[in-house]
């Protein structure tokens, strides 16, 4: 879900998966990616998101992320509580690694508050559902320059 518009697609996938889990009474796994933090992909510019930071406080971007992106995802997930439906959410891949390695890039500096605030908020809001697990990408040794 790299845009607000893609939340509806995720809803469709979850509906199909829940229907399958109920019909066959078997555990069913759905993996979704939560990927729309303000100033997303601040270093590579390969997939810049729809929310941005106009300054280092990023008040507007943070508010948009919370209200227009995370709130609808949380509401959507509350509709899918079947015990055989397992949901894995990958939370903002590459975002925390950018904070560790790309703070020399102005867009990353400007997005630092948003990354910390929004990722923490996403974890708090999306981890409450019992059949949902979160994966937090924190980089790997190669990204961090470790041999």
Protein backbone atom coordinates (compact mmCIF):
# COMPACT_ATOMS: atom_id res chain seq x y z
CA UNK A 1 0.00 0.00 0.00
CA UNK A 2 2.21 2.76 -1.26
CA UNK A 3 -0.64 5.25 -1.68
CA UNK A 4 -3.93 5.94 0.02
CA UNK A 5 -5.69 4.74 -3.14
CA UNK A 6 -4.11 1.30 -2.77
CA UNK A 7 -5.76 0.67 0.60
CA UNK A 8 -8.90 -0.39 -1.28
CA UNK A 9 -6.89 -2.99 -3.23
CA UNK A 10 -5.57 -4.35 0.06
CA UNK A 11 -9.13 -4.51 1.35
CA UNK A 12 -10.09 -6.61 -1.69
CA UNK A 13 -7.17 -9.00 -1.05
CA UNK A 14 -8.12 -9.36 2.59
CA UNK A 15 -11.75 -10.02 1.74
CA UNK A 16 -10.75 -12.80 -0.66
CA UNK A 17 -8.32 -14.27 1.85
CA UNK A 18 -10.87 -14.25 4.66
CA UNK A 19 -13.42 -15.91 2.39
CA UNK A 20 -10.86 -18.61 1.53
CA UNK A 21 -9.91 -19.11 5.20
CA UNK A 22 -13.55 -19.56 6.16
CA UNK A 23 -14.45 -21.80 3.23
CA UNK A 24 -11.55 -24.20 3.71
CA UNK A 25 -11.07 -23.70 7.45
CA UNK A 26 -7.32 -23.35 6.92
CA UNK A 27 -4.81 -20.77 8.06
CA UNK A 28 -4.35 -18.18 5.36
CA UNK A 29 -1.55 -15.59 5.30
CA UNK A 30 -1.71 -12.17 3.69
CA UNK A 31 1.35 -9.93 3.57
CA UNK A 32 0.90 -6.21 2.97
CA UNK A 33 3.43 -3.40 2.87
CA UNK A 34 2.72 -0.14 4.71
CA UNK A 35 4.80 2.32 2.68
CA UNK A 36 3.72 5.97 2.54
CA UNK A 37 5.67 7.79 5.26
CA UNK A 38 6.26 11.51 4.54
CA UNK A 39 9.46 12.09 2.52
CA UNK A 40 9.49 8.38 1.70
CA UNK A 41 12.65 7.06 0.09
CA UNK A 42 14.40 10.29 0.94
CA UNK A 43 17.77 9.29 -0.45
CA UNK A 44 17.21 7.21 -3.58
CA UNK A 45 14.19 9.13 -4.91
CA UNK A 46 13.03 5.93 -6.59
CA UNK A 47 9.59 5.88 -5.03
CA UNK A 48 8.83 9.24 -3.46
CA UNK A 49 5.54 9.11 -1.59
CA UNK A 50 2.46 11.26 -1.67
CA UNK A 51 3.08 12.99 1.69
CA UNK A 52 5.96 15.41 2.10
CA UNK A 53 7.63 17.57 4.71
CA UNK A 54 7.87 21.31 4.13
CA UNK A 55 10.17 21.72 7.14
CA UNK A 56 11.88 19.60 9.79
CA UNK A 57 8.74 19.47 11.98
CA UNK A 58 6.63 18.04 9.10
CA UNK A 59 3.36 18.77 10.93
CA UNK A 60 1.17 18.59 7.83
CA UNK A 61 2.83 15.42 6.50
CA UNK A 62 2.56 13.68 9.86
CA UNK A 63 -1.09 14.64 10.24
CA UNK A 64 -1.90 13.43 6.72
CA UNK A 65 -0.09 10.13 7.33
CA UNK A 66 -2.00 9.52 10.56
CA UNK A 67 -5.45 10.56 9.38
CA UNK A 68 -5.51 9.79 5.65
CA UNK A 69 -3.32 6.69 5.62
CA UNK A 70 -2.96 4.83 8.94
CA UNK A 71 -6.51 5.45 10.22
CA UNK A 72 -8.15 3.86 7.14
CA UNK A 73 -5.75 0.90 7.32
CA UNK A 74 -6.58 0.35 10.99
CA UNK A 75 -10.31 0.54 10.23
CA UNK A 76 -9.90 -1.89 7.35
CA UNK A 77 -7.99 -4.42 9.48
CA UNK A 78 -10.73 -4.39 12.12
CA UNK A 79 -13.02 -6.00 9.53
CA UNK A 80 -10.75 -9.06 9.21
CA UNK A 81 -10.59 -10.89 12.51
CA UNK A 82 -11.11 -14.49 11.42
CA UNK A 83 -8.85 -16.72 13.52
CA UNK A 84 -7.58 -18.49 10.38
CA UNK A 85 -6.61 -15.23 8.70
CA UNK A 86 -3.07 -14.11 9.53
CA UNK A 87 -1.95 -10.68 8.41
CA UNK A 88 1.69 -9.61 8.22
CA UNK A 89 2.39 -5.92 7.76
CA UNK A 90 5.83 -4.84 6.61
CA UNK A 91 6.22 -1.37 8.09
CA UNK A 92 7.89 1.34 6.01
CA UNK A 93 10.79 -0.61 4.45
CA UNK A 94 14.04 1.35 4.07
CA UNK A 95 12.83 4.21 6.24
CA UNK A 96 14.72 3.51 9.46
CA UNK A 97 17.85 2.53 7.51
CA UNK A 98 17.72 5.93 5.77
CA UNK A 99 17.88 7.56 9.21
CA UNK A 100 20.99 5.55 10.01
CA UNK A 101 22.91 6.15 6.80
CA UNK A 102 21.57 9.11 4.82
CA UNK A 103 21.33 12.03 7.21
CA UNK A 104 23.71 13.94 4.94
CA UNK A 105 20.81 14.20 2.44
CA UNK A 106 18.62 17.26 3.07
CA UNK A 107 15.36 15.44 2.34
CA UNK A 108 16.30 12.77 4.90
CA UNK A 109 17.18 15.41 7.48
CA UNK A 110 13.86 17.11 6.84
CA UNK A 111 11.98 13.82 7.15
CA UNK A 112 13.68 12.51 10.30
CA UNK A 113 10.96 13.70 12.69
CA UNK A 114 8.26 12.33 10.41
CA UNK A 115 9.97 8.95 10.09
CA UNK A 116 10.32 8.55 13.86
CA UNK A 117 6.86 9.87 14.68
CA UNK A 118 4.97 8.10 11.91
CA UNK A 119 6.63 4.71 12.21
CA UNK A 120 6.06 4.70 15.97
CA UNK A 121 2.44 5.70 15.41
CA UNK A 122 1.92 3.02 12.76
CA UNK A 123 3.31 0.37 15.12
CA UNK A 124 1.04 1.50 17.96
CA UNK A 125 -2.09 1.64 15.81
CA UNK A 126 -1.60 -1.47 13.68
CA UNK A 127 -0.28 -3.91 16.27
CA UNK A 128 -3.49 -3.97 18.32
CA UNK A 129 -5.23 -6.60 16.23
CA UNK A 130 -4.56 -10.14 17.51
CA UNK A 131 -4.17 -11.77 14.08
CA UNK A 132 -1.75 -9.13 12.79
CA UNK A 133 2.04 -9.26 13.03
CA UNK A 134 4.41 -6.47 12.12
CA UNK A 135 7.84 -6.63 10.51
CA UNK A 136 9.99 -3.57 11.10
CA UNK A 137 12.79 -3.14 8.56
CA UNK A 138 15.90 -1.99 10.37
CA UNK A 139 18.43 -2.52 7.53
CA UNK A 140 21.11 -5.14 7.17
CA UNK A 141 24.86 -5.18 7.63
CA UNK A 142 25.57 -4.33 3.99
CA UNK A 143 23.34 -1.28 4.13
CA UNK A 144 25.04 -0.12 7.31
CA UNK A 145 28.52 -0.66 5.89
CA UNK A 146 29.45 -3.61 8.07
CA UNK A 147 31.76 -6.17 6.51
